[in-house]
Amino acid sequence: MTENNRGIIVNGGALTADSLAVGENAQVINGAPGSPAELVGHLARIEAAIEAHRSSLLDPDDLKAAILAASSEARRGKPNSSRIVEVLKEIAVAASSVSPVVELVKSALSLLHRQ
């Protein structure tokens, strides 16, 4: 075993978890993987990043309106995932020079592809 390990070590047996967060600033969002609650959480973080990087974005108001529309869609009983993916891709292109926003969008897209 190495000293200063910052990961997870499992010897024998199995690791079973509904949620698992590892590392500095790791977060667990309640809900099953790919659940609407998890998606809404991702979209809220994108909205916050848009607001935080407002001065670096060409049309922050348009991006905020787009992410709010995607959030509204995600909260519907049967959300249209295709529409949410389309909006996220548009945001990624429009915010391509702002890596924190792009990384959050990639994470949300990854979540949608797991569903």
PDB file of N, CA and C in Angstrom:
ATOM      1  N   MET A   1       0.850  -1.174   0.000  1.00  0.00           N
ATOM      2  CA  MET A   1       0.000   0.000   0.000  1.00  0.00           C
ATOM      3  C   MET A   1       0.895   1.237   0.000  1.00  0.00           C
ATOM      4  N   THR A   2       0.535   2.234  -0.779  1.00  0.00           N
ATOM      5  CA  THR A   2       1.355   3.434  -0.855  1.00  0.00           C
ATOM      6  C   THR A   2       0.904   4.447   0.194  1.00  0.00           C
ATOM      7  N   GLU A   3       1.851   5.247   0.635  1.00  0.00           N
ATOM      8  CA  GLU A   3       1.521   6.307   1.577  1.00  0.00           C
ATOM      9  C   GLU A   3       0.856   7.451   0.833  1.00  0.00           C
ATOM     10  N   ASN A   4       0.077   8.231   1.541  1.00  0.00           N
ATOM     11  CA  ASN A   4      -0.597   9.396   0.979  1.00  0.00           C
ATOM     12  C   ASN A   4      -1.567   9.047  -0.147  1.00  0.00           C
ATOM     13  N   ASN A   5      -2.146   7.869  -0.095  1.00  0.00           N
ATOM     14  CA  ASN A   5      -3.133   7.485  -1.097  1.00  0.00           C
ATOM     15  C   ASN A   5      -4.357   8.380  -0.954  1.00  0.00           C
ATOM     16  N   ARG A   6      -4.866   8.873  -2.056  1.00  0.00           N
ATOM     17  CA  ARG A   6      -6.049   9.730  -2.032  1.00  0.00           C
ATOM     18  C   ARG A   6      -7.199   9.102  -2.818  1.00  0.00           C
ATOM     19  N   GLY A   7      -7.095   7.837  -3.101  1.00  0.00           N
ATOM     20  CA  GLY A   7      -8.138   7.158  -3.865  1.00  0.00           C
ATOM     21  C   GLY A   7      -8.904   6.196  -2.992  1.00  0.00           C
ATOM     22  N   ILE A   8      -9.450   5.194  -3.599  1.00  0.00           N
ATOM     23  CA  ILE A   8     -10.193   4.167  -2.893  1.00  0.00           C
ATOM     24  C   ILE A   8      -9.460   2.857  -3.076  1.00  0.00           C
ATOM     25  N   ILE A   9      -9.259   2.138  -1.993  1.00  0.00           N
ATOM     26  CA  ILE A   9      -8.630   0.825  -2.058  1.00  0.00           C
ATOM     27  C   ILE A   9      -9.644  -0.188  -1.551  1.00  0.00           C
ATOM     28  N   VAL A  10      -9.931  -1.173  -2.355  1.00  0.00           N
ATOM     29  CA  VAL A  10     -10.831  -2.251  -1.957  1.00  0.00           C
ATOM     30  C   VAL A  10     -10.037  -3.541  -2.068  1.00  0.00           C
ATOM     31  N   ASN A  11      -9.903  -4.240  -0.968  1.00  0.00           N
ATOM     32  CA  ASN A  11      -9.216  -5.531  -0.961  1.00  0.00           C
ATOM     33  C   ASN A  11     -10.245  -6.622  -0.751  1.00  0.00           C
ATOM     34  N   GLY A  12     -10.461  -7.432  -1.765  1.00  0.00           N
ATOM     35  CA  GLY A  12     -11.448  -8.506  -1.652  1.00  0.00           C
ATOM     36  C   GLY A  12     -12.858  -7.943  -1.593  1.00  0.00           C
ATOM     37  N   GLY A  13     -13.821  -8.781  -1.701  1.00  0.00           N
ATOM     38  CA  GLY A  13     -15.203  -8.341  -1.625  1.00  0.00           C
ATOM     39  C   GLY A  13     -15.586  -7.475  -2.808  1.00  0.00           C
ATOM     40  N   ALA A  14     -16.581  -6.660  -2.592  1.00  0.00           N
ATOM     41  CA  ALA A  14     -17.088  -5.810  -3.665  1.00  0.00           C
ATOM     42  C   ALA A  14     -17.486  -4.463  -3.103  1.00  0.00           C
ATOM     43  N   LEU A  15     -17.414  -3.475  -3.920  1.00  0.00           N
ATOM     44  CA  LEU A  15     -17.857  -2.137  -3.563  1.00  0.00           C
ATOM     45  C   LEU A  15     -19.173  -1.900  -4.280  1.00  0.00           C
ATOM     46  N   THR A  16     -20.215  -1.696  -3.513  1.00  0.00           N
ATOM     47  CA  THR A  16     -21.529  -1.432  -4.077  1.00  0.00           C
ATOM     48  C   THR A  16     -22.029  -0.126  -3.500  1.00  0.00           C
ATOM     49  N   ALA A  17     -22.449   0.778  -4.363  1.00  0.00           N
ATOM     50  CA  ALA A  17     -22.919   2.074  -3.885  1.00  0.00           C
ATOM     51  C   ALA A  17     -23.945   2.646  -4.844  1.00  0.00           C
ATOM     52  N   ASP A  18     -24.941   3.312  -4.291  1.00  0.00           N
ATOM     53  CA  ASP A  18     -25.872   4.054  -5.134  1.00  0.00           C
ATOM     54  C   ASP A  18     -25.214   5.338  -5.600  1.00  0.00           C
ATOM     55  N   SER A  19     -24.379   5.901  -4.737  1.00  0.00           N
ATOM     56  CA  SER A  19     -23.641   7.117  -5.062  1.00  0.00           C
ATOM     57  C   SER A  19     -22.270   7.020  -4.429  1.00  0.00           C
ATOM     58  N   LEU A  20     -21.272   7.549  -5.117  1.00  0.00           N
ATOM     59  CA  LEU A  20     -19.912   7.534  -4.607  1.00  0.00           C
ATOM     60  C   LEU A  20     -19.206   8.770  -5.120  1.00  0.00           C
ATOM     61  N   ALA A  21     -18.651   9.529  -4.202  1.00  0.00           N
ATOM     62  CA  ALA A  21     -17.897  10.726  -4.580  1.00  0.00           C
ATOM     63  C   ALA A  21     -16.496  10.578  -4.021  1.00  0.00           C
ATOM     64  N   VAL A  22     -15.495  10.844  -4.843  1.00  0.00           N
ATOM     65  CA  VAL A  22     -14.109  10.681  -4.440  1.00  0.00           C
ATOM     66  C   VAL A  22     -13.326  11.902  -4.867  1.00  0.00           C
ATOM     67  N   GLY A  23     -12.436  12.330  -4.018  1.00  0.00           N
ATOM     68  CA  GLY A  23     -11.527  13.410  -4.397  1.00  0.00           C
ATOM     69  C   GLY A  23     -11.949  14.757  -3.868  1.00  0.00           C
ATOM     70  N   GLU A  24     -11.050  15.680  -4.037  1.00  0.00           N
ATOM     71  CA  GLU A  24     -11.272  17.036  -3.558  1.00  0.00           C
ATOM     72  C   GLU A  24     -12.474  17.647  -4.259  1.00  0.00           C
ATOM     73  N   ASN A  25     -13.354  18.248  -3.494  1.00  0.00           N
ATOM     74  CA  ASN A  25     -14.574  18.910  -3.992  1.00  0.00           C
ATOM     75  C   ASN A  25     -15.552  17.957  -4.666  1.00  0.00           C
ATOM     76  N   ALA A  26     -15.438  16.665  -4.418  1.00  0.00           N
ATOM     77  CA  ALA A  26     -16.375  15.705  -5.012  1.00  0.00           C
ATOM     78  C   ALA A  26     -17.764  15.943  -4.443  1.00  0.00           C
ATOM     79  N   GLN A  27     -18.779  15.694  -5.247  1.00  0.00           N
ATOM     80  CA  GLN A  27     -20.161  15.899  -4.832  1.00  0.00           C
ATOM     81  C   GLN A  27     -20.998  14.699  -5.235  1.00  0.00           C
ATOM     82  N   VAL A  28     -22.000  14.431  -4.433  1.00  0.00           N
ATOM     83  CA  VAL A  28     -22.978  13.408  -4.769  1.00  0.00           C
ATOM     84  C   VAL A  28     -24.315  14.114  -4.898  1.00  0.00           C
ATOM     85  N   ILE A  29     -24.996  13.836  -5.981  1.00  0.00           N
ATOM     86  CA  ILE A  29     -26.321  14.399  -6.200  1.00  0.00           C
ATOM     87  C   ILE A  29     -27.318  13.285  -5.971  1.00  0.00           C
ATOM     88  N   ASN A  30     -28.331  13.562  -5.154  1.00  0.00           N
ATOM     89  CA  ASN A  30     -29.322  12.530  -4.867  1.00  0.00           C
ATOM     90  C   ASN A  30     -30.043  12.119  -6.137  1.00  0.00           C
ATOM     91  N   GLY A  31     -30.284  10.846  -6.243  1.00  0.00           N
ATOM     92  CA  GLY A  31     -30.978  10.316  -7.405  1.00  0.00           C
ATOM     93  C   GLY A  31     -30.142   9.265  -8.084  1.00  0.00           C
ATOM     94  N   ALA A  32     -30.777   8.436  -8.854  1.00  0.00           N
ATOM     95  CA  ALA A  32     -30.084   7.368  -9.567  1.00  0.00           C
ATOM     96  C   ALA A  32     -29.237   7.952 -10.678  1.00  0.00           C
ATOM     97  N   PRO A  33     -28.192   7.218 -11.111  1.00  0.00           N
ATOM     98  CA  PRO A  33     -27.377   7.733 -12.207  1.00  0.00           C
ATOM     99  C   PRO A  33     -28.250   8.055 -13.417  1.00  0.00           C
ATOM    100  N   GLY A  34     -28.054   9.223 -13.958  1.00  0.00           N
ATOM    101  CA  GLY A  34     -28.826   9.612 -15.120  1.00  0.00           C
ATOM    102  C   GLY A  34     -30.242  10.039 -14.801  1.00  0.00           C
ATOM    103  N   SER A  35     -30.542  10.220 -13.522  1.00  0.00           N
ATOM    104  CA  SER A  35     -31.902  10.585 -13.142  1.00  0.00           C
ATOM    105  C   SER A  35     -32.180  12.045 -13.474  1.00  0.00           C
ATOM    106  N   PRO A  36     -33.453  12.414 -13.567  1.00  0.00           N
ATOM    107  CA  PRO A  36     -33.789  13.821 -13.808  1.00  0.00           C
ATOM    108  C   PRO A  36     -33.204  14.749 -12.736  1.00  0.00           C
ATOM    109  N   ALA A  37     -33.184  14.301 -11.485  1.00  0.00           N
ATOM    110  CA  ALA A  37     -32.621  15.133 -10.415  1.00  0.00           C
ATOM    111  C   ALA A  37     -31.144  15.397 -10.648  1.00  0.00           C
ATOM    112  N   GLU A  38     -30.410  14.392 -11.094  1.00  0.00           N
ATOM    113  CA  GLU A  38     -28.985  14.569 -11.370  1.00  0.00           C
ATOM    114  C   GLU A  38     -28.786  15.516 -12.552  1.00  0.00           C
ATOM    115  N   LEU A  39     -29.596  15.363 -13.574  1.00  0.00           N
ATOM    116  CA  LEU A  39     -29.502  16.237 -14.741  1.00  0.00           C
ATOM    117  C   LEU A  39     -29.802  17.680 -14.366  1.00  0.00           C
ATOM    118  N   VAL A  40     -30.842  17.896 -13.591  1.00  0.00           N
ATOM    119  CA  VAL A  40     -31.198  19.248 -13.159  1.00  0.00           C
ATOM    120  C   VAL A  40     -30.044  19.860 -12.368  1.00  0.00           C
ATOM    121  N   GLY A  41     -29.380  19.063 -11.538  1.00  0.00           N
ATOM    122  CA  GLY A  41     -28.219  19.549 -10.799  1.00  0.00           C
ATOM    123  C   GLY A  41     -27.093  19.978 -11.728  1.00  0.00           C
ATOM    124  N   HIS A  42     -26.829  19.183 -12.763  1.00  0.00           N
ATOM    125  CA  HIS A  42     -25.803  19.534 -13.749  1.00  0.00           C
ATOM    126  C   HIS A  42     -26.163  20.849 -14.450  1.00  0.00           C
ATOM    127  N   LEU A  43     -27.420  20.971 -14.833  1.00  0.00           N
ATOM    128  CA  LEU A  43     -27.849  22.169 -15.554  1.00  0.00           C
ATOM    129  C   LEU A  43     -27.751  23.410 -14.668  1.00  0.00           C
ATOM    130  N   ALA A  44     -28.034  23.258 -13.375  1.00  0.00           N
ATOM    131  CA  ALA A  44     -27.898  24.381 -12.439  1.00  0.00           C
ATOM    132  C   ALA A  44     -26.443  24.825 -12.322  1.00  0.00           C
ATOM    133  N   ARG A  45     -25.520  23.868 -12.344  1.00  0.00           N
ATOM    134  CA  ARG A  45     -24.095  24.221 -12.288  1.00  0.00           C
ATOM    135  C   ARG A  45     -23.657  24.928 -13.577  1.00  0.00           C
ATOM    136  N   ILE A  46     -24.222  24.526 -14.696  1.00  0.00           N
ATOM    137  CA  ILE A  46     -23.912  25.215 -15.957  1.00  0.00           C
ATOM    138  C   ILE A  46     -24.433  26.654 -15.894  1.00  0.00           C
ATOM    139  N   GLU A  47     -25.640  26.819 -15.407  1.00  0.00           N
ATOM    140  CA  GLU A  47     -26.199  28.171 -15.266  1.00  0.00           C
ATOM    141  C   GLU A  47     -25.302  29.039 -14.380  1.00  0.00           C
ATOM    142  N   ALA A  48     -24.842  28.488 -13.266  1.00  0.00           N
ATOM    143  CA  ALA A  48     -23.964  29.235 -12.360  1.00  0.00           C
ATOM    144  C   ALA A  48     -22.642  29.590 -13.044  1.00  0.00           C
ATOM    145  N   ALA A  49     -22.113  28.670 -13.841  1.00  0.00           N
ATOM    146  CA  ALA A  49     -20.850  28.929 -14.556  1.00  0.00           C
ATOM    147  C   ALA A  49     -21.041  30.015 -15.612  1.00  0.00           C
ATOM    148  N   ILE A  50     -22.178  30.001 -16.286  1.00  0.00           N
ATOM    149  CA  ILE A  50     -22.473  31.053 -17.262  1.00  0.00           C
ATOM    150  C   ILE A  50     -22.491  32.401 -16.560  1.00  0.00           C
ATOM    151  N   GLU A  51     -23.124  32.440 -15.420  1.00  0.00           N
ATOM    152  CA  GLU A  51     -23.196  33.689 -14.660  1.00  0.00           C
ATOM    153  C   GLU A  51     -21.805  34.112 -14.165  1.00  0.00           C
ATOM    154  N   ALA A  52     -21.025  33.162 -13.692  1.00  0.00           N
ATOM    155  CA  ALA A  52     -19.692  33.464 -13.164  1.00  0.00           C
ATOM    156  C   ALA A  52     -18.732  33.965 -14.248  1.00  0.00           C
ATOM    157  N   HIS A  53     -18.939  33.508 -15.489  1.00  0.00           N
ATOM    158  CA  HIS A  53     -18.044  33.866 -16.589  1.00  0.00           C
ATOM    159  C   HIS A  53     -18.723  34.791 -17.597  1.00  0.00           C
ATOM    160  N   ARG A  54     -19.730  35.471 -17.129  1.00  0.00           N
ATOM    161  CA  ARG A  54     -20.554  36.353 -17.948  1.00  0.00           C
ATOM    162  C   ARG A  54     -19.722  37.293 -18.833  1.00  0.00           C
ATOM    163  N   SER A  55     -18.699  37.895 -18.258  1.00  0.00           N
ATOM    164  CA  SER A  55     -17.917  38.893 -18.995  1.00  0.00           C
ATOM    165  C   SER A  55     -17.066  38.278 -20.108  1.00  0.00           C
ATOM    166  N   SER A  56     -16.868  36.961 -20.061  1.00  0.00           N
ATOM    167  CA  SER A  56     -16.068  36.277 -21.087  1.00  0.00           C
ATOM    168  C   SER A  56     -16.917  35.705 -22.212  1.00  0.00           C
ATOM    169  N   LEU A  57     -18.220  35.815 -22.088  1.00  0.00           N
ATOM    170  CA  LEU A  57     -19.136  35.226 -23.070  1.00  0.00           C
ATOM    171  C   LEU A  57     -19.728  36.308 -23.971  1.00  0.00           C
ATOM    172  N   LEU A  58     -19.936  35.972 -25.238  1.00  0.00           N
ATOM    173  CA  LEU A  58     -20.484  36.947 -26.184  1.00  0.00           C
ATOM    174  C   LEU A  58     -21.946  37.282 -25.894  1.00  0.00           C
ATOM    175  N   ASP A  59     -22.761  36.276 -25.659  1.00  0.00           N
ATOM    176  CA  ASP A  59     -24.191  36.485 -25.419  1.00  0.00           C
ATOM    177  C   ASP A  59     -24.639  35.756 -24.151  1.00  0.00           C
ATOM    178  N   PRO A  60     -24.192  36.209 -22.987  1.00  0.00           N
ATOM    179  CA  PRO A  60     -24.527  35.485 -21.756  1.00  0.00           C
ATOM    180  C   PRO A  60     -26.026  35.403 -21.482  1.00  0.00           C
ATOM    181  N   ASP A  61     -26.769  36.423 -21.862  1.00  0.00           N
ATOM    182  CA  ASP A  61     -28.218  36.389 -21.632  1.00  0.00           C
ATOM    183  C   ASP A  61     -28.885  35.301 -22.479  1.00  0.00           C
ATOM    184  N   ASP A  62     -28.431  35.152 -23.720  1.00  0.00           N
ATOM    185  CA  ASP A  62     -28.972  34.094 -24.581  1.00  0.00           C
ATOM    186  C   ASP A  62     -28.617  32.715 -24.032  1.00  0.00           C
ATOM    187  N   LEU A  63     -27.378  32.578 -23.545  1.00  0.00           N
ATOM    188  CA  LEU A  63     -26.960  31.290 -22.984  1.00  0.00           C
ATOM    189  C   LEU A  63     -27.749  30.967 -21.724  1.00  0.00           C
ATOM    190  N   LYS A  64     -27.973  31.981 -20.904  1.00  0.00           N
ATOM    191  CA  LYS A  64     -28.755  31.756 -19.683  1.00  0.00           C
ATOM    192  C   LYS A  64     -30.187  31.353 -20.028  1.00  0.00           C
ATOM    193  N   ALA A  65     -30.775  32.017 -21.008  1.00  0.00           N
ATOM    194  CA  ALA A  65     -32.137  31.655 -21.437  1.00  0.00           C
ATOM    195  C   ALA A  65     -32.172  30.222 -21.956  1.00  0.00           C
ATOM    196  N   ALA A  66     -31.131  29.829 -22.697  1.00  0.00           N
ATOM    197  CA  ALA A  66     -31.075  28.468 -23.241  1.00  0.00           C
ATOM    198  C   ALA A  66     -30.968  27.432 -22.128  1.00  0.00           C
ATOM    199  N   ILE A  67     -30.109  27.690 -21.137  1.00  0.00           N
ATOM    200  CA  ILE A  67     -29.949  26.699 -20.066  1.00  0.00           C
ATOM    201  C   ILE A  67     -31.196  26.640 -19.187  1.00  0.00           C
ATOM    202  N   LEU A  68     -31.870  27.767 -19.015  1.00  0.00           N
ATOM    203  CA  LEU A  68     -33.127  27.752 -18.260  1.00  0.00           C
ATOM    204  C   LEU A  68     -34.200  26.956 -19.004  1.00  0.00           C
ATOM    205  N   ALA A  69     -34.226  27.068 -20.325  1.00  0.00           N
ATOM    206  CA  ALA A  69     -35.173  26.279 -21.122  1.00  0.00           C
ATOM    207  C   ALA A  69     -34.858  24.794 -21.000  1.00  0.00           C
ATOM    208  N   ALA A  70     -33.572  24.447 -21.028  1.00  0.00           N
ATOM    209  CA  ALA A  70     -33.177  23.045 -20.879  1.00  0.00           C
ATOM    210  C   ALA A  70     -33.542  22.534 -19.492  1.00  0.00           C
ATOM    211  N   SER A  71     -33.364  23.359 -18.468  1.00  0.00           N
ATOM    212  CA  SER A  71     -33.729  22.976 -17.098  1.00  0.00           C
ATOM    213  C   SER A  71     -35.222  22.741 -16.973  1.00  0.00           C
ATOM    214  N   SER A  72     -35.985  23.611 -17.604  1.00  0.00           N
ATOM    215  CA  SER A  72     -37.447  23.462 -17.592  1.00  0.00           C
ATOM    216  C   SER A  72     -37.847  22.149 -18.271  1.00  0.00           C
ATOM    217  N   GLU A  73     -37.209  21.866 -19.389  1.00  0.00           N
ATOM    218  CA  GLU A  73     -37.472  20.609 -20.111  1.00  0.00           C
ATOM    219  C   GLU A  73     -37.107  19.405 -19.240  1.00  0.00           C
ATOM    220  N   ALA A  74     -35.976  19.484 -18.538  1.00  0.00           N
ATOM    221  CA  ALA A  74     -35.517  18.368 -17.703  1.00  0.00           C
ATOM    222  C   ALA A  74     -36.473  18.080 -16.551  1.00  0.00           C
ATOM    223  N   ARG A  75     -37.211  19.087 -16.128  1.00  0.00           N
ATOM    224  CA  ARG A  75     -38.141  18.920 -15.001  1.00  0.00           C
ATOM    225  C   ARG A  75     -39.495  18.344 -15.428  1.00  0.00           C
ATOM    226  N   ARG A  76     -39.740  18.284 -16.718  1.00  0.00           N
ATOM    227  CA  ARG A  76     -41.014  17.737 -17.214  1.00  0.00           C
ATOM    228  C   ARG A  76     -41.119  16.261 -16.876  1.00  0.00           C
ATOM    229  N   GLY A  77     -42.310  15.749 -16.883  1.00  0.00           N
ATOM    230  CA  GLY A  77     -42.537  14.330 -16.600  1.00  0.00           C
ATOM    231  C   GLY A  77     -41.764  13.417 -17.531  1.00  0.00           C
ATOM    232  N   LYS A  78     -41.803  13.701 -18.802  1.00  0.00           N
ATOM    233  CA  LYS A  78     -41.042  12.949 -19.806  1.00  0.00           C
ATOM    234  C   LYS A  78     -40.246  13.946 -20.632  1.00  0.00           C
ATOM    235  N   PRO A  79     -39.050  14.305 -20.142  1.00  0.00           N
ATOM    236  CA  PRO A  79     -38.279  15.320 -20.865  1.00  0.00           C
ATOM    237  C   PRO A  79     -37.804  14.831 -22.224  1.00  0.00           C
ATOM    238  N   ASN A  80     -37.704  15.749 -23.150  1.00  0.00           N
ATOM    239  CA  ASN A  80     -37.197  15.469 -24.489  1.00  0.00           C
ATOM    240  C   ASN A  80     -35.665  15.579 -24.435  1.00  0.00           C
ATOM    241  N   SER A  81     -35.003  14.457 -24.262  1.00  0.00           N
ATOM    242  CA  SER A  81     -33.545  14.441 -24.136  1.00  0.00           C
ATOM    243  C   SER A  81     -32.862  14.995 -25.370  1.00  0.00           C
ATOM    244  N   SER A  82     -33.429  14.760 -26.525  1.00  0.00           N
ATOM    245  CA  SER A  82     -32.832  15.264 -27.767  1.00  0.00           C
ATOM    246  C   SER A  82     -32.773  16.786 -27.758  1.00  0.00           C
ATOM    247  N   ARG A  83     -33.814  17.402 -27.276  1.00  0.00           N
ATOM    248  CA  ARG A  83     -33.844  18.871 -27.211  1.00  0.00           C
ATOM    249  C   ARG A  83     -32.793  19.376 -26.224  1.00  0.00           C
ATOM    250  N   ILE A  84     -32.667  18.704 -25.086  1.00  0.00           N
ATOM    251  CA  ILE A  84     -31.684  19.115 -24.081  1.00  0.00           C
ATOM    252  C   ILE A  84     -30.270  18.962 -24.641  1.00  0.00           C
ATOM    253  N   VAL A  85     -30.010  17.870 -25.338  1.00  0.00           N
ATOM    254  CA  VAL A  85     -28.697  17.648 -25.955  1.00  0.00           C
ATOM    255  C   VAL A  85     -28.413  18.756 -26.966  1.00  0.00           C
ATOM    256  N   GLU A  86     -29.397  19.098 -27.767  1.00  0.00           N
ATOM    257  CA  GLU A  86     -29.238  20.157 -28.776  1.00  0.00           C
ATOM    258  C   GLU A  86     -28.866  21.493 -28.117  1.00  0.00           C
ATOM    259  N   VAL A  87     -29.566  21.833 -27.050  1.00  0.00           N
ATOM    260  CA  VAL A  87     -29.286  23.083 -26.335  1.00  0.00           C
ATOM    261  C   VAL A  87     -27.884  23.051 -25.740  1.00  0.00           C
ATOM    262  N   LEU A  88     -27.509  21.930 -25.134  1.00  0.00           N
ATOM    263  CA  LEU A  88     -26.178  21.823 -24.527  1.00  0.00           C
ATOM    264  C   LEU A  88     -25.074  21.965 -25.579  1.00  0.00           C
ATOM    265  N   LYS A  89     -25.275  21.363 -26.733  1.00  0.00           N
ATOM    266  CA  LYS A  89     -24.277  21.477 -27.801  1.00  0.00           C
ATOM    267  C   LYS A  89     -24.163  22.920 -28.282  1.00  0.00           C
ATOM    268  N   GLU A  90     -25.291  23.618 -28.383  1.00  0.00           N
ATOM    269  CA  GLU A  90     -25.274  25.025 -28.771  1.00  0.00           C
ATOM    270  C   GLU A  90     -24.509  25.861 -27.747  1.00  0.00           C
ATOM    271  N   ILE A  91     -24.721  25.570 -26.473  1.00  0.00           N
ATOM    272  CA  ILE A  91     -24.015  26.294 -25.416  1.00  0.00           C
ATOM    273  C   ILE A  91     -22.522  26.010 -25.492  1.00  0.00           C
ATOM    274  N   ALA A  92     -22.148  24.766 -25.720  1.00  0.00           N
ATOM    275  CA  ALA A  92     -20.725  24.405 -25.816  1.00  0.00           C
ATOM    276  C   ALA A  92     -20.042  25.166 -26.940  1.00  0.00           C
ATOM    277  N   VAL A  93     -20.711  25.321 -28.063  1.00  0.00           N
ATOM    278  CA  VAL A  93     -20.136  26.064 -29.195  1.00  0.00           C
ATOM    279  C   VAL A  93     -20.031  27.547 -28.838  1.00  0.00           C
ATOM    280  N   ALA A  94     -21.099  28.108 -28.307  1.00  0.00           N
ATOM    281  CA  ALA A  94     -21.113  29.541 -27.991  1.00  0.00           C
ATOM    282  C   ALA A  94     -20.121  29.902 -26.883  1.00  0.00           C
ATOM    283  N   ALA A  95     -19.852  28.954 -25.989  1.00  0.00           N
ATOM    284  CA  ALA A  95     -18.957  29.210 -24.856  1.00  0.00           C
ATOM    285  C   ALA A  95     -17.615  28.512 -25.035  1.00  0.00           C
ATOM    286  N   SER A  96     -17.254  28.205 -26.258  1.00  0.00           N
ATOM    287  CA  SER A  96     -16.068  27.381 -26.511  1.00  0.00           C
ATOM    288  C   SER A  96     -14.775  27.945 -25.936  1.00  0.00           C
ATOM    289  N   SER A  97     -14.708  29.240 -25.714  1.00  0.00           N
ATOM    290  CA  SER A  97     -13.490  29.838 -25.161  1.00  0.00           C
ATOM    291  C   SER A  97     -13.497  29.867 -23.632  1.00  0.00           C
ATOM    292  N   VAL A  98     -14.575  29.375 -23.022  1.00  0.00           N
ATOM    293  CA  VAL A  98     -14.701  29.395 -21.559  1.00  0.00           C
ATOM    294  C   VAL A  98     -14.747  27.947 -21.065  1.00  0.00           C
ATOM    295  N   SER A  99     -13.562  27.411 -20.791  1.00  0.00           N
ATOM    296  CA  SER A  99     -13.464  25.978 -20.490  1.00  0.00           C
ATOM    297  C   SER A  99     -14.293  25.512 -19.291  1.00  0.00           C
ATOM    298  N   PRO A 100     -14.482  26.288 -18.221  1.00  0.00           N
ATOM    299  CA  PRO A 100     -15.326  25.780 -17.133  1.00  0.00           C
ATOM    300  C   PRO A 100     -16.759  25.481 -17.588  1.00  0.00           C
ATOM    301  N   VAL A 101     -17.291  26.326 -18.452  1.00  0.00           N
ATOM    302  CA  VAL A 101     -18.647  26.096 -18.969  1.00  0.00           C
ATOM    303  C   VAL A 101     -18.646  24.862 -19.866  1.00  0.00           C
ATOM    304  N   VAL A 102     -17.676  24.770 -20.752  1.00  0.00           N
ATOM    305  CA  VAL A 102     -17.598  23.643 -21.687  1.00  0.00           C
ATOM    306  C   VAL A 102     -17.452  22.320 -20.939  1.00  0.00           C
ATOM    307  N   GLU A 103     -16.630  22.283 -19.906  1.00  0.00           N
ATOM    308  CA  GLU A 103     -16.438  21.046 -19.145  1.00  0.00           C
ATOM    309  C   GLU A 103     -17.728  20.613 -18.454  1.00  0.00           C
ATOM    310  N   LEU A 104     -18.474  21.556 -17.918  1.00  0.00           N
ATOM    311  CA  LEU A 104     -19.752  21.227 -17.292  1.00  0.00           C
ATOM    312  C   LEU A 104     -20.758  20.721 -18.330  1.00  0.00           C
ATOM    313  N   VAL A 105     -20.744  21.322 -19.500  1.00  0.00           N
ATOM    314  CA  VAL A 105     -21.633  20.868 -20.581  1.00  0.00           C
ATOM    315  C   VAL A 105     -21.271  19.438 -20.974  1.00  0.00           C
ATOM    316  N   LYS A 106     -19.977  19.150 -21.108  1.00  0.00           N
ATOM    317  CA  LYS A 106     -19.544  17.786 -21.447  1.00  0.00           C
ATOM    318  C   LYS A 106     -20.022  16.785 -20.400  1.00  0.00           C
ATOM    319  N   SER A 107     -19.942  17.175 -19.148  1.00  0.00           N
ATOM    320  CA  SER A 107     -20.395  16.296 -18.072  1.00  0.00           C
ATOM    321  C   SER A 107     -21.896  16.016 -18.179  1.00  0.00           C
ATOM    322  N   ALA A 108     -22.675  17.052 -18.461  1.00  0.00           N
ATOM    323  CA  ALA A 108     -24.122  16.875 -18.615  1.00  0.00           C
ATOM    324  C   ALA A 108     -24.441  16.006 -19.834  1.00  0.00           C
ATOM    325  N   LEU A 109     -23.721  16.210 -20.923  1.00  0.00           N
ATOM    326  CA  LEU A 109     -23.932  15.379 -22.118  1.00  0.00           C
ATOM    327  C   LEU A 109     -23.594  13.918 -21.835  1.00  0.00           C
ATOM    328  N   SER A 110     -22.540  13.710 -21.088  1.00  0.00           N
ATOM    329  CA  SER A 110     -22.162  12.347 -20.715  1.00  0.00           C
ATOM    330  C   SER A 110     -23.276  11.683 -19.906  1.00  0.00           C
ATOM    331  N   LEU A 111     -23.846  12.434 -19.007  1.00  0.00           N
ATOM    332  CA  LEU A 111     -24.957  11.930 -18.191  1.00  0.00           C
ATOM    333  C   LEU A 111     -26.137  11.543 -19.089  1.00  0.00           C
ATOM    334  N   LEU A 112     -26.458  12.378 -20.043  1.00  0.00           N
ATOM    335  CA  LEU A 112     -27.588  12.099 -20.937  1.00  0.00           C
ATOM    336  C   LEU A 112     -27.338  10.869 -21.790  1.00  0.00           C
ATOM    337  N   HIS A 113     -26.077  10.628 -22.164  1.00  0.00           N
ATOM    338  CA  HIS A 113     -25.754   9.458 -22.986  1.00  0.00           C
ATOM    339  C   HIS A 113     -25.779   8.156 -22.195  1.00  0.00           C
ATOM    340  N   ARG A 114     -25.751   8.245 -20.861  1.00  0.00           N
ATOM    341  CA  ARG A 114     -25.839   7.042 -20.004  1.00  0.00           C
ATOM    342  C   ARG A 114     -27.277   6.573 -19.882  1.00  0.00           C
ATOM    343  N   GLN A 115     -28.218   7.475 -20.165  1.00  0.00           N
ATOM    344  CA  GLN A 115     -29.626   7.121 -19.970  1.00  0.00           C
ATOM    345  C   GLN A 115     -30.111   6.138 -21.012  1.00  0.00           C
TER     346      GLN A 115
END
